[in-house]
Amino acid sequence: MVERPGLKNEEPYHGLRQQPYVGILPVLPGNQFVILRQYRPLLQAHTWEFPAGTVDRGCRPLPAARKELWEEAGLKASRWVRLGTFFPDTGRLAMVSHGYAAYCSRRGPRCWKHRGFQLRRVSWPELKSLIRRGQFRHQLHLGLLAALLVRQKDALS
């Protein structure tokens, strides 16, 4: 828990300090992506999202991203593109989030399981449909996709 003094007679601000976060947008040949489904106890629901995790103390963001991609999706990338460093919630979280696009050469099957995660390979139109239907709605991960679109003109056309 973090407490900061308020401005000019305002109440103090409260938030949470957390380890840095890393999110990985796995890009496969043919502008396809890997998403994973897992149970999120705080939401009491399964969610579709990209691989992600926290950066352990003493670790740098890119090695942490490589580790998370392997642990959660069983994938290794041949090329990494840094999408940026972001603030997930400036009003409540004292943390930064590092985003990467991981270009993988292996396509993998359409659906598979890896270490307790259900993985799915989706095309750009399929991902857009999941977003529109509210089935892919992790805000930080939507930010990764937006960062890719902004940084790479015509990346998905």
C-alpha atoms as a PDB file:
ATOM      1  CA  MET A   1       0.000   0.000   0.000  1.00  0.00           C
ATOM      2  CA  VAL A   2       1.235   3.488  -0.872  1.00  0.00           C
ATOM      3  CA  GLU A   3      -0.010   6.735   0.658  1.00  0.00           C
ATOM      4  CA  ARG A   4       0.795  10.147  -0.816  1.00  0.00           C
ATOM      5  CA  PRO A   5      -0.268  13.518   0.614  1.00  0.00           C
ATOM      6  CA  GLY A   6      -3.128  15.259  -1.129  1.00  0.00           C
ATOM      7  CA  LEU A   7      -2.893  18.728  -2.601  1.00  0.00           C
ATOM      8  CA  LYS A   8      -4.238  21.802  -0.744  1.00  0.00           C
ATOM      9  CA  ASN A   9      -6.343  20.228   2.017  1.00  0.00           C
ATOM     10  CA  GLU A  10      -7.290  17.152  -0.002  1.00  0.00           C
ATOM     11  CA  GLU A  11      -7.370  13.712   1.557  1.00  0.00           C
ATOM     12  CA  PRO A  12      -4.265  11.556   1.010  1.00  0.00           C
ATOM     13  CA  TYR A  13      -4.062   9.376  -2.104  1.00  0.00           C
ATOM     14  CA  HIS A  14      -3.893   5.612  -1.623  1.00  0.00           C
ATOM     15  CA  GLY A  15      -2.727   3.015  -4.077  1.00  0.00           C
ATOM     16  CA  LEU A  16      -0.794  -0.204  -4.525  1.00  0.00           C
ATOM     17  CA  ARG A  17       2.879  -0.546  -5.341  1.00  0.00           C
ATOM     18  CA  GLN A  18       3.587  -3.579  -7.505  1.00  0.00           C
ATOM     19  CA  GLN A  19       6.498  -5.093  -9.366  1.00  0.00           C
ATOM     20  CA  PRO A  20       6.789  -3.993 -12.995  1.00  0.00           C
ATOM     21  CA  TYR A  21       4.581  -5.886 -15.426  1.00  0.00           C
ATOM     22  CA  VAL A  22       5.367  -7.243 -18.868  1.00  0.00           C
ATOM     23  CA  GLY A  23       2.833  -8.021 -21.601  1.00  0.00           C
ATOM     24  CA  ILE A  24       3.647  -9.926 -24.778  1.00  0.00           C
ATOM     25  CA  LEU A  25       1.682  -9.819 -28.023  1.00  0.00           C
ATOM     26  CA  PRO A  26       2.686 -13.042 -29.871  1.00  0.00           C
ATOM     27  CA  VAL A  27       2.528 -12.505 -33.630  1.00  0.00           C
ATOM     28  CA  LEU A  28       2.569 -15.577 -35.873  1.00  0.00           C
ATOM     29  CA  PRO A  29       3.061 -15.827 -39.639  1.00  0.00           C
ATOM     30  CA  GLY A  30       0.075 -14.541 -41.608  1.00  0.00           C
ATOM     31  CA  ASN A  31      -0.800 -11.863 -39.036  1.00  0.00           C
ATOM     32  CA  GLN A  32      -2.143 -14.375 -36.578  1.00  0.00           C
ATOM     33  CA  PHE A  33      -1.876 -14.130 -32.812  1.00  0.00           C
ATOM     34  CA  VAL A  34      -1.748 -16.418 -29.823  1.00  0.00           C
ATOM     35  CA  ILE A  35      -4.181 -15.712 -27.018  1.00  0.00           C
ATOM     36  CA  LEU A  36      -4.584 -17.708 -23.858  1.00  0.00           C
ATOM     37  CA  ARG A  37      -7.419 -18.476 -21.536  1.00  0.00           C
ATOM     38  CA  GLN A  38      -6.957 -18.845 -17.827  1.00  0.00           C
ATOM     39  CA  TYR A  39      -8.974 -18.649 -14.641  1.00  0.00           C
ATOM     40  CA  ARG A  40      -8.687 -15.348 -12.773  1.00  0.00           C
ATOM     41  CA  PRO A  41      -9.713 -15.916  -9.121  1.00  0.00           C
ATOM     42  CA  LEU A  42     -10.324 -12.224  -8.321  1.00  0.00           C
ATOM     43  CA  LEU A  43     -12.822 -12.037 -11.194  1.00  0.00           C
ATOM     44  CA  GLN A  44     -14.118 -15.570 -10.609  1.00  0.00           C
ATOM     45  CA  ALA A  45     -14.010 -16.029 -14.364  1.00  0.00           C
ATOM     46  CA  HIS A  46     -11.904 -17.311 -17.231  1.00  0.00           C
ATOM     47  CA  THR A  47     -10.417 -14.612 -19.445  1.00  0.00           C
ATOM     48  CA  TRP A  48      -8.797 -14.472 -22.880  1.00  0.00           C
ATOM     49  CA  GLU A  49      -5.598 -12.439 -22.915  1.00  0.00           C
ATOM     50  CA  PHE A  50      -2.009 -12.318 -24.172  1.00  0.00           C
ATOM     51  CA  PRO A  51       0.858 -13.880 -22.202  1.00  0.00           C
ATOM     52  CA  ALA A  52       2.029 -11.609 -19.381  1.00  0.00           C
ATOM     53  CA  GLY A  53       3.459 -11.486 -15.892  1.00  0.00           C
ATOM     54  CA  THR A  54       5.530  -9.564 -13.418  1.00  0.00           C
ATOM     55  CA  VAL A  55       9.201  -8.744 -13.779  1.00  0.00           C
ATOM     56  CA  ASP A  56      11.070 -10.457 -10.942  1.00  0.00           C
ATOM     57  CA  ARG A  57      13.447  -8.378  -8.846  1.00  0.00           C
ATOM     58  CA  GLY A  58      16.848  -8.144 -10.525  1.00  0.00           C
ATOM     59  CA  CYS A  59      15.451  -9.140 -13.923  1.00  0.00           C
ATOM     60  CA  ARG A  60      15.177  -6.857 -16.957  1.00  0.00           C
ATOM     61  CA  PRO A  61      11.877  -6.551 -18.880  1.00  0.00           C
ATOM     62  CA  LEU A  62      12.915  -8.305 -22.126  1.00  0.00           C
ATOM     63  CA  PRO A  63      14.302 -11.444 -20.440  1.00  0.00           C
ATOM     64  CA  ALA A  64      11.133 -11.500 -18.307  1.00  0.00           C
ATOM     65  CA  ALA A  65       9.035 -11.277 -21.486  1.00  0.00           C
ATOM     66  CA  ARG A  66      10.971 -14.167 -23.052  1.00  0.00           C
ATOM     67  CA  LYS A  67      10.412 -16.232 -19.917  1.00  0.00           C
ATOM     68  CA  GLU A  68       6.668 -15.487 -19.779  1.00  0.00           C
ATOM     69  CA  LEU A  69       6.177 -16.280 -23.487  1.00  0.00           C
ATOM     70  CA  TRP A  70       7.854 -19.662 -22.987  1.00  0.00           C
ATOM     71  CA  GLU A  71       6.137 -20.464 -19.677  1.00  0.00           C
ATOM     72  CA  GLU A  72       2.633 -19.488 -20.744  1.00  0.00           C
ATOM     73  CA  ALA A  73       2.584 -20.269 -24.475  1.00  0.00           C
ATOM     74  CA  GLY A  74       5.522 -22.596 -25.092  1.00  0.00           C
ATOM     75  CA  LEU A  75       6.778 -20.195 -27.763  1.00  0.00           C
ATOM     76  CA  LYS A  76      10.106 -18.579 -28.600  1.00  0.00           C
ATOM     77  CA  ALA A  77      10.298 -15.472 -30.755  1.00  0.00           C
ATOM     78  CA  SER A  78      12.788 -14.864 -33.528  1.00  0.00           C
ATOM     79  CA  ARG A  79      12.268 -11.085 -33.302  1.00  0.00           C
ATOM     80  CA  TRP A  80      11.155  -8.782 -30.489  1.00  0.00           C
ATOM     81  CA  VAL A  81       9.762  -5.264 -30.912  1.00  0.00           C
ATOM     82  CA  ARG A  82       9.453  -3.019 -27.884  1.00  0.00           C
ATOM     83  CA  LEU A  83       5.998  -1.433 -27.906  1.00  0.00           C
ATOM     84  CA  GLY A  84       6.690   0.898 -24.997  1.00  0.00           C
ATOM     85  CA  THR A  85       6.549   1.430 -21.277  1.00  0.00           C
ATOM     86  CA  PHE A  86       3.119   2.289 -19.932  1.00  0.00           C
ATOM     87  CA  PHE A  87       1.321   3.263 -16.722  1.00  0.00           C
ATOM     88  CA  PRO A  88      -1.587   0.805 -16.278  1.00  0.00           C
ATOM     89  CA  ASP A  89      -3.589   2.857 -13.761  1.00  0.00           C
ATOM     90  CA  THR A  90      -2.138   6.215 -12.735  1.00  0.00           C
ATOM     91  CA  GLY A  91      -4.767   6.708 -10.034  1.00  0.00           C
ATOM     92  CA  ARG A  92      -4.356   3.412  -8.175  1.00  0.00           C
ATOM     93  CA  LEU A  93      -1.188   1.536  -9.173  1.00  0.00           C
ATOM     94  CA  ALA A  94       2.412   2.624  -8.588  1.00  0.00           C
ATOM     95  CA  MET A  95       3.905   0.442 -11.313  1.00  0.00           C
ATOM     96  CA  VAL A  96       5.016   0.408 -14.931  1.00  0.00           C
ATOM     97  CA  SER A  97       4.100  -2.031 -17.661  1.00  0.00           C
ATOM     98  CA  HIS A  98       6.464  -2.998 -20.474  1.00  0.00           C
ATOM     99  CA  GLY A  99       4.970  -4.136 -23.766  1.00  0.00           C
ATOM    100  CA  TYR A 100       6.510  -6.239 -26.532  1.00  0.00           C
ATOM    101  CA  ALA A 101       5.464  -7.798 -29.817  1.00  0.00           C
ATOM    102  CA  ALA A 102       7.065 -11.230 -30.154  1.00  0.00           C
ATOM    103  CA  TYR A 103       7.340 -12.441 -33.745  1.00  0.00           C
ATOM    104  CA  CYS A 104       7.288 -16.226 -33.688  1.00  0.00           C
ATOM    105  CA  SER A 105       8.037 -18.462 -36.663  1.00  0.00           C
ATOM    106  CA  ARG A 106       6.067 -21.463 -35.400  1.00  0.00           C
ATOM    107  CA  ARG A 107       2.327 -21.439 -36.013  1.00  0.00           C
ATOM    108  CA  GLY A 108       1.291 -24.248 -33.686  1.00  0.00           C
ATOM    109  CA  PRO A 109      -2.098 -25.960 -33.818  1.00  0.00           C
ATOM    110  CA  ARG A 110      -5.351 -23.988 -33.866  1.00  0.00           C
ATOM    111  CA  CYS A 111      -6.002 -24.783 -30.183  1.00  0.00           C
ATOM    112  CA  TRP A 112      -3.781 -26.454 -27.603  1.00  0.00           C
ATOM    113  CA  LYS A 113      -3.051 -26.627 -23.891  1.00  0.00           C
ATOM    114  CA  HIS A 114       0.256 -25.704 -22.298  1.00  0.00           C
ATOM    115  CA  ARG A 115       0.973 -25.763 -18.555  1.00  0.00           C
ATOM    116  CA  GLY A 116      -2.640 -25.232 -17.547  1.00  0.00           C
ATOM    117  CA  PHE A 117      -3.359 -22.541 -20.116  1.00  0.00           C
ATOM    118  CA  GLN A 118      -5.724 -23.030 -23.037  1.00  0.00           C
ATOM    119  CA  LEU A 119      -4.112 -21.426 -26.079  1.00  0.00           C
ATOM    120  CA  ARG A 120      -5.748 -20.384 -29.306  1.00  0.00           C
ATOM    121  CA  ARG A 121      -4.319 -19.137 -32.586  1.00  0.00           C
ATOM    122  CA  VAL A 122      -6.528 -16.373 -33.992  1.00  0.00           C
ATOM    123  CA  SER A 123      -6.483 -14.226 -37.108  1.00  0.00           C
ATOM    124  CA  TRP A 124      -6.790 -10.454 -36.988  1.00  0.00           C
ATOM    125  CA  PRO A 125     -10.514 -10.596 -37.966  1.00  0.00           C
ATOM    126  CA  GLU A 126     -11.125 -13.237 -35.276  1.00  0.00           C
ATOM    127  CA  LEU A 127      -9.375 -11.132 -32.632  1.00  0.00           C
ATOM    128  CA  LYS A 128     -11.401  -8.065 -33.634  1.00  0.00           C
ATOM    129  CA  SER A 129     -14.569 -10.146 -33.322  1.00  0.00           C
ATOM    130  CA  LEU A 130     -13.589 -11.361 -29.832  1.00  0.00           C
ATOM    131  CA  ILE A 131     -12.973  -7.741 -28.808  1.00  0.00           C
ATOM    132  CA  ARG A 132     -16.311  -6.555 -30.240  1.00  0.00           C
ATOM    133  CA  ARG A 133     -18.179  -9.362 -28.454  1.00  0.00           C
ATOM    134  CA  GLY A 134     -16.493  -8.509 -25.135  1.00  0.00           C
ATOM    135  CA  GLN A 135     -14.648 -11.839 -24.926  1.00  0.00           C
ATOM    136  CA  PHE A 136     -11.170 -10.316 -25.102  1.00  0.00           C
ATOM    137  CA  ARG A 137     -11.249  -7.338 -22.784  1.00  0.00           C
ATOM    138  CA  HIS A 138      -8.073  -7.126 -20.735  1.00  0.00           C
ATOM    139  CA  GLN A 139      -7.490  -3.378 -20.915  1.00  0.00           C
ATOM    140  CA  LEU A 140      -3.688  -3.555 -20.715  1.00  0.00           C
ATOM    141  CA  HIS A 141      -3.603  -6.130 -23.487  1.00  0.00           C
ATOM    142  CA  LEU A 142      -5.888  -4.065 -25.681  1.00  0.00           C
ATOM    143  CA  GLY A 143      -3.296  -1.326 -25.113  1.00  0.00           C
ATOM    144  CA  LEU A 144      -0.583  -3.646 -26.477  1.00  0.00           C
ATOM    145  CA  LEU A 145      -2.616  -4.175 -29.613  1.00  0.00           C
ATOM    146  CA  ALA A 146      -3.215  -0.428 -29.981  1.00  0.00           C
ATOM    147  CA  ALA A 147       0.516   0.245 -29.510  1.00  0.00           C
ATOM    148  CA  LEU A 148       1.323  -2.268 -32.257  1.00  0.00           C
ATOM    149  CA  LEU A 149      -1.164  -0.634 -34.615  1.00  0.00           C
ATOM    150  CA  VAL A 150       0.185   2.853 -33.918  1.00  0.00           C
ATOM    151  CA  ARG A 151       3.857   1.879 -34.171  1.00  0.00           C
ATOM    152  CA  GLN A 152       3.656  -0.326 -37.226  1.00  0.00           C
ATOM    153  CA  LYS A 153       1.758   1.288 -40.041  1.00  0.00           C
ATOM    154  CA  ASP A 154      -0.313  -1.272 -41.894  1.00  0.00           C
ATOM    155  CA  ALA A 155       0.961  -4.004 -39.549  1.00  0.00           C
ATOM    156  CA  LEU A 156      -2.281  -5.963 -39.747  1.00  0.00           C
ATOM    157  CA  SER A 157      -3.769  -5.075 -43.127  1.00  0.00           C
END
